[in-house]
Amino acid sequence: MTDADLFKRGMRRLASGVSIVTTMDETTPQGFVATSVTSVCAAPSPLLLVCVNREVSSHGAIHRSGKFCVNLLSETDAELARLFSSSAHRERRFAQCEWRALTTGAPALSVALASFDCEVQTAIDVESHTVFLGKVMAIELSHDAIQPLLYVDGRFDALRSFTPTAALS
């Protein structure tokens, strides 16, 4: 087993929140599923980052437009995540839900737990990916209940309540 294979197997054990990252390629919406979204800072200006494989079709659109929107998915959005995970259904992706434009014009998902509308502040190429640092221009929260969709061990899952054992209480 190569170091890369072992690394991938190890990273599959890290549960991550699931997002749909969207952008506009001129007048055509583009999007893909991401689990590599991280907050960078909240002040003085909120920044987040997303790591995008340069082979993903949306990569060039983010570079050209200079904008993207990170839409956090809930546990009820697993089918939508599957749709955005496959290039076979690209033409159907945006027809399945209601989308709206926030500040930058990148599509924001109406049912997202939260949408972070960003302008690209910096793009850093690292190996096969580009790390896009986005200055958050608008934030929209759509739900009071927080039931995020997770991705772990190659599958979508949901967060379960934790009941402390006697040893922890």
C-alpha atoms as a PDB file:
ATOM      1  CA  MET A   1       0.000   0.000   0.000  1.00  0.00           C
ATOM      2  CA  THR A   2       1.357   3.430  -0.917  1.00  0.00           C
ATOM      3  CA  ASP A   3       1.481   6.344   1.460  1.00  0.00           C
ATOM      4  CA  ALA A   4      -1.284   7.997  -0.601  1.00  0.00           C
ATOM      5  CA  ASP A   5      -3.546   4.958  -0.200  1.00  0.00           C
ATOM      6  CA  LEU A   6      -2.925   4.810   3.538  1.00  0.00           C
ATOM      7  CA  PHE A   7      -3.556   8.548   3.797  1.00  0.00           C
ATOM      8  CA  LYS A   8      -6.902   8.183   1.975  1.00  0.00           C
ATOM      9  CA  ARG A   9      -7.926   5.269   4.209  1.00  0.00           C
ATOM     10  CA  GLY A  10      -7.061   7.289   7.288  1.00  0.00           C
ATOM     11  CA  MET A  11      -8.924  10.390   6.080  1.00  0.00           C
ATOM     12  CA  ARG A  12     -12.056   8.307   5.416  1.00  0.00           C
ATOM     13  CA  ARG A  13     -12.280   8.004   9.203  1.00  0.00           C
ATOM     14  CA  LEU A  14     -12.650  11.756   9.620  1.00  0.00           C
ATOM     15  CA  ALA A  15     -16.332  12.694   9.636  1.00  0.00           C
ATOM     16  CA  SER A  16     -16.887  15.936   7.715  1.00  0.00           C
ATOM     17  CA  GLY A  17     -19.827  18.196   7.077  1.00  0.00           C
ATOM     18  CA  VAL A  18     -21.139  18.115   3.507  1.00  0.00           C
ATOM     19  CA  SER A  19     -21.567  21.262   1.402  1.00  0.00           C
ATOM     20  CA  ILE A  20     -22.537  22.098  -2.131  1.00  0.00           C
ATOM     21  CA  VAL A  21     -20.189  24.754  -3.466  1.00  0.00           C
ATOM     22  CA  THR A  22     -21.705  26.767  -6.306  1.00  0.00           C
ATOM     23  CA  THR A  23     -20.573  29.440  -8.718  1.00  0.00           C
ATOM     24  CA  MET A  24     -21.620  30.961 -12.025  1.00  0.00           C
ATOM     25  CA  ASP A  25     -19.830  30.311 -15.300  1.00  0.00           C
ATOM     26  CA  GLU A  26     -21.126  33.388 -17.124  1.00  0.00           C
ATOM     27  CA  THR A  27     -24.882  32.566 -17.113  1.00  0.00           C
ATOM     28  CA  THR A  28     -24.601  28.857 -16.283  1.00  0.00           C
ATOM     29  CA  PRO A  29     -24.692  27.682 -12.653  1.00  0.00           C
ATOM     30  CA  GLN A  30     -21.985  25.203 -11.622  1.00  0.00           C
ATOM     31  CA  GLY A  31     -21.651  23.194  -8.430  1.00  0.00           C
ATOM     32  CA  PHE A  32     -20.057  20.245  -6.682  1.00  0.00           C
ATOM     33  CA  VAL A  33     -20.036  18.511  -3.310  1.00  0.00           C
ATOM     34  CA  ALA A  34     -17.245  19.458  -0.916  1.00  0.00           C
ATOM     35  CA  THR A  35     -16.202  18.160   2.473  1.00  0.00           C
ATOM     36  CA  SER A  36     -13.072  20.308   2.634  1.00  0.00           C
ATOM     37  CA  VAL A  37     -14.532  23.605   3.853  1.00  0.00           C
ATOM     38  CA  THR A  38     -12.937  25.381   6.824  1.00  0.00           C
ATOM     39  CA  SER A  39     -13.492  28.648   8.635  1.00  0.00           C
ATOM     40  CA  VAL A  40     -10.340  30.771   8.626  1.00  0.00           C
ATOM     41  CA  CYS A  41     -11.367  33.745  10.776  1.00  0.00           C
ATOM     42  CA  ALA A  42     -14.429  35.749  11.836  1.00  0.00           C
ATOM     43  CA  ALA A  43     -12.804  39.175  12.204  1.00  0.00           C
ATOM     44  CA  PRO A  44     -11.998  41.663  10.927  1.00  0.00           C
ATOM     45  CA  SER A  45     -13.609  40.111   7.833  1.00  0.00           C
ATOM     46  CA  PRO A  46     -15.042  36.588   7.872  1.00  0.00           C
ATOM     47  CA  LEU A  47     -12.990  34.251   5.681  1.00  0.00           C
ATOM     48  CA  LEU A  48     -13.394  30.605   4.801  1.00  0.00           C
ATOM     49  CA  LEU A  49     -11.526  28.250   2.555  1.00  0.00           C
ATOM     50  CA  VAL A  50     -12.499  25.457   0.232  1.00  0.00           C
ATOM     51  CA  CYS A  51     -10.113  23.003  -1.418  1.00  0.00           C
ATOM     52  CA  VAL A  52     -11.065  22.230  -5.030  1.00  0.00           C
ATOM     53  CA  ASN A  53      -9.540  19.560  -7.239  1.00  0.00           C
ATOM     54  CA  ARG A  54      -8.357  21.234 -10.440  1.00  0.00           C
ATOM     55  CA  GLU A  55     -10.070  18.489 -12.483  1.00  0.00           C
ATOM     56  CA  VAL A  56     -13.534  19.423 -11.156  1.00  0.00           C
ATOM     57  CA  SER A  57     -15.502  21.278 -13.840  1.00  0.00           C
ATOM     58  CA  SER A  58     -16.417  24.092 -11.417  1.00  0.00           C
ATOM     59  CA  HIS A  59     -12.755  24.844 -10.667  1.00  0.00           C
ATOM     60  CA  GLY A  60     -12.255  27.023 -13.748  1.00  0.00           C
ATOM     61  CA  ALA A  61     -15.584  28.767 -13.210  1.00  0.00           C
ATOM     62  CA  ILE A  62     -14.579  29.788  -9.669  1.00  0.00           C
ATOM     63  CA  HIS A  63     -11.256  31.105 -10.990  1.00  0.00           C
ATOM     64  CA  ARG A  64     -12.938  33.071 -13.804  1.00  0.00           C
ATOM     65  CA  SER A  65     -15.870  34.473 -11.823  1.00  0.00           C
ATOM     66  CA  GLY A  66     -14.009  35.119  -8.571  1.00  0.00           C
ATOM     67  CA  LYS A  67     -17.017  34.017  -6.519  1.00  0.00           C
ATOM     68  CA  PHE A  68     -18.535  30.973  -4.879  1.00  0.00           C
ATOM     69  CA  CYS A  69     -21.216  30.075  -2.354  1.00  0.00           C
ATOM     70  CA  VAL A  70     -20.815  27.340   0.266  1.00  0.00           C
ATOM     71  CA  ASN A  71     -24.188  25.745   1.077  1.00  0.00           C
ATOM     72  CA  LEU A  72     -24.191  23.535   4.197  1.00  0.00           C
ATOM     73  CA  LEU A  73     -26.443  20.495   3.789  1.00  0.00           C
ATOM     74  CA  SER A  74     -28.785  18.899   6.313  1.00  0.00           C
ATOM     75  CA  GLU A  75     -29.254  15.173   6.825  1.00  0.00           C
ATOM     76  CA  THR A  76     -32.348  15.315   4.582  1.00  0.00           C
ATOM     77  CA  ASP A  77     -30.207  16.440   1.611  1.00  0.00           C
ATOM     78  CA  ALA A  78     -28.320  13.171   0.954  1.00  0.00           C
ATOM     79  CA  GLU A  79     -29.983  12.629  -2.454  1.00  0.00           C
ATOM     80  CA  LEU A  80     -29.111  16.175  -3.512  1.00  0.00           C
ATOM     81  CA  ALA A  81     -25.514  15.542  -2.422  1.00  0.00           C
ATOM     82  CA  ARG A  82     -25.434  12.360  -4.533  1.00  0.00           C
ATOM     83  CA  LEU A  83     -26.753  14.297  -7.527  1.00  0.00           C
ATOM     84  CA  PHE A  84     -24.021  16.946  -7.180  1.00  0.00           C
ATOM     85  CA  SER A  85     -21.388  14.217  -6.646  1.00  0.00           C
ATOM     86  CA  SER A  86     -21.901  12.700 -10.091  1.00  0.00           C
ATOM     87  CA  SER A  87     -20.973  14.375 -13.357  1.00  0.00           C
ATOM     88  CA  ALA A  88     -23.546  12.153 -15.106  1.00  0.00           C
ATOM     89  CA  HIS A  89     -26.429  14.316 -13.859  1.00  0.00           C
ATOM     90  CA  ARG A  90     -24.892  17.756 -14.296  1.00  0.00           C
ATOM     91  CA  GLU A  91     -27.836  19.135 -16.321  1.00  0.00           C
ATOM     92  CA  ARG A  92     -30.365  18.133 -13.602  1.00  0.00           C
ATOM     93  CA  ARG A  93     -28.524  19.482 -10.579  1.00  0.00           C
ATOM     94  CA  PHE A  94     -30.053  22.930 -10.317  1.00  0.00           C
ATOM     95  CA  ALA A  95     -33.559  21.835 -11.376  1.00  0.00           C
ATOM     96  CA  GLN A  96     -34.092  19.793  -8.198  1.00  0.00           C
ATOM     97  CA  CYS A  97     -34.294  22.679  -5.685  1.00  0.00           C
ATOM     98  CA  GLU A  98     -34.956  26.364  -5.290  1.00  0.00           C
ATOM     99  CA  TRP A  99     -31.891  28.588  -5.631  1.00  0.00           C
ATOM    100  CA  ARG A 100     -31.453  32.340  -5.224  1.00  0.00           C
ATOM    101  CA  ALA A 101     -28.667  34.846  -5.641  1.00  0.00           C
ATOM    102  CA  LEU A 102     -27.210  36.623  -2.633  1.00  0.00           C
ATOM    103  CA  THR A 103     -24.549  39.352  -2.970  1.00  0.00           C
ATOM    104  CA  THR A 104     -22.143  37.808  -5.510  1.00  0.00           C
ATOM    105  CA  GLY A 105     -24.715  36.085  -7.703  1.00  0.00           C
ATOM    106  CA  ALA A 106     -23.430  32.564  -6.959  1.00  0.00           C
ATOM    107  CA  PRO A 107     -26.429  30.256  -6.356  1.00  0.00           C
ATOM    108  CA  ALA A 108     -27.530  29.895  -2.727  1.00  0.00           C
ATOM    109  CA  LEU A 109     -29.610  26.830  -1.843  1.00  0.00           C
ATOM    110  CA  SER A 110     -32.909  27.832  -0.228  1.00  0.00           C
ATOM    111  CA  VAL A 111     -32.980  24.785   2.088  1.00  0.00           C
ATOM    112  CA  ALA A 112     -29.315  24.942   3.170  1.00  0.00           C
ATOM    113  CA  LEU A 113     -28.572  25.040   6.884  1.00  0.00           C
ATOM    114  CA  ALA A 114     -26.402  28.044   6.041  1.00  0.00           C
ATOM    115  CA  SER A 115     -25.127  29.689   2.872  1.00  0.00           C
ATOM    116  CA  PHE A 116     -21.845  31.622   2.804  1.00  0.00           C
ATOM    117  CA  ASP A 117     -21.606  33.843  -0.275  1.00  0.00           C
ATOM    118  CA  CYS A 118     -17.937  34.578  -1.002  1.00  0.00           C
ATOM    119  CA  GLU A 119     -15.601  36.570  -3.209  1.00  0.00           C
ATOM    120  CA  VAL A 120     -12.272  34.874  -3.890  1.00  0.00           C
ATOM    121  CA  GLN A 121      -9.598  36.741  -1.955  1.00  0.00           C
ATOM    122  CA  THR A 122      -6.715  34.375  -2.691  1.00  0.00           C
ATOM    123  CA  ALA A 123      -6.195  31.199  -4.715  1.00  0.00           C
ATOM    124  CA  ILE A 124      -3.257  28.949  -3.867  1.00  0.00           C
ATOM    125  CA  ASP A 125      -2.343  25.950  -6.017  1.00  0.00           C
ATOM    126  CA  VAL A 126      -1.239  22.992  -3.900  1.00  0.00           C
ATOM    127  CA  GLU A 127      -0.461  19.737  -5.715  1.00  0.00           C
ATOM    128  CA  SER A 128      -3.709  18.590  -7.441  1.00  0.00           C
ATOM    129  CA  HIS A 129      -5.948  21.177  -5.748  1.00  0.00           C
ATOM    130  CA  THR A 130      -6.497  24.902  -5.428  1.00  0.00           C
ATOM    131  CA  VAL A 131      -7.205  26.351  -2.001  1.00  0.00           C
ATOM    132  CA  PHE A 132      -9.666  29.206  -2.495  1.00  0.00           C
ATOM    133  CA  LEU A 133      -9.815  31.699   0.380  1.00  0.00           C
ATOM    134  CA  GLY A 134     -13.165  33.421   0.245  1.00  0.00           C
ATOM    135  CA  LYS A 135     -14.164  36.698   1.866  1.00  0.00           C
ATOM    136  CA  VAL A 136     -17.714  36.151   3.105  1.00  0.00           C
ATOM    137  CA  MET A 137     -19.943  38.842   1.599  1.00  0.00           C
ATOM    138  CA  ALA A 138     -23.312  37.503   2.817  1.00  0.00           C
ATOM    139  CA  ILE A 139     -24.575  34.787   5.153  1.00  0.00           C
ATOM    140  CA  GLU A 140     -28.020  33.278   5.217  1.00  0.00           C
ATOM    141  CA  LEU A 141     -29.293  30.853   7.861  1.00  0.00           C
ATOM    142  CA  SER A 142     -32.341  28.882   6.783  1.00  0.00           C
ATOM    143  CA  HIS A 143     -33.087  26.536   9.684  1.00  0.00           C
ATOM    144  CA  ASP A 144     -33.153  26.778  13.449  1.00  0.00           C
ATOM    145  CA  ALA A 145     -32.669  23.020  13.790  1.00  0.00           C
ATOM    146  CA  ILE A 146     -29.121  21.919  13.075  1.00  0.00           C
ATOM    147  CA  GLN A 147     -29.039  18.380  11.696  1.00  0.00           C
ATOM    148  CA  PRO A 148     -26.022  18.345   9.376  1.00  0.00           C
ATOM    149  CA  LEU A 149     -25.276  15.804   6.693  1.00  0.00           C
ATOM    150  CA  LEU A 150     -21.948  14.086   7.329  1.00  0.00           C
ATOM    151  CA  TYR A 151     -19.580  12.121   5.119  1.00  0.00           C
ATOM    152  CA  VAL A 152     -17.513   9.364   6.710  1.00  0.00           C
ATOM    153  CA  ASP A 153     -15.987   6.121   5.424  1.00  0.00           C
ATOM    154  CA  GLY A 154     -17.204   6.756   1.876  1.00  0.00           C
ATOM    155  CA  ARG A 155     -20.876   7.277   2.748  1.00  0.00           C
ATOM    156  CA  PHE A 156     -23.314   9.924   3.888  1.00  0.00           C
ATOM    157  CA  ASP A 157     -24.465   9.747   7.493  1.00  0.00           C
ATOM    158  CA  ALA A 158     -26.195  11.779  10.192  1.00  0.00           C
ATOM    159  CA  LEU A 159     -25.077  13.094  13.555  1.00  0.00           C
ATOM    160  CA  ARG A 160     -26.369  11.057  16.458  1.00  0.00           C
ATOM    161  CA  SER A 161     -27.008  12.267  19.988  1.00  0.00           C
ATOM    162  CA  PHE A 162     -24.284  11.467  22.442  1.00  0.00           C
ATOM    163  CA  THR A 163     -25.172  10.081  25.848  1.00  0.00           C
ATOM    164  CA  PRO A 164     -22.247  10.277  28.263  1.00  0.00           C
ATOM    165  CA  THR A 165     -21.317   7.071  30.046  1.00  0.00           C
ATOM    166  CA  ALA A 166     -20.852   6.986  33.800  1.00  0.00           C
ATOM    167  CA  ALA A 167     -17.081   7.252  33.337  1.00  0.00           C
ATOM    168  CA  LEU A 168     -17.477  10.580  31.529  1.00  0.00           C
ATOM    169  CA  SER A 169     -20.126  12.193  33.723  1.00  0.00           C
END
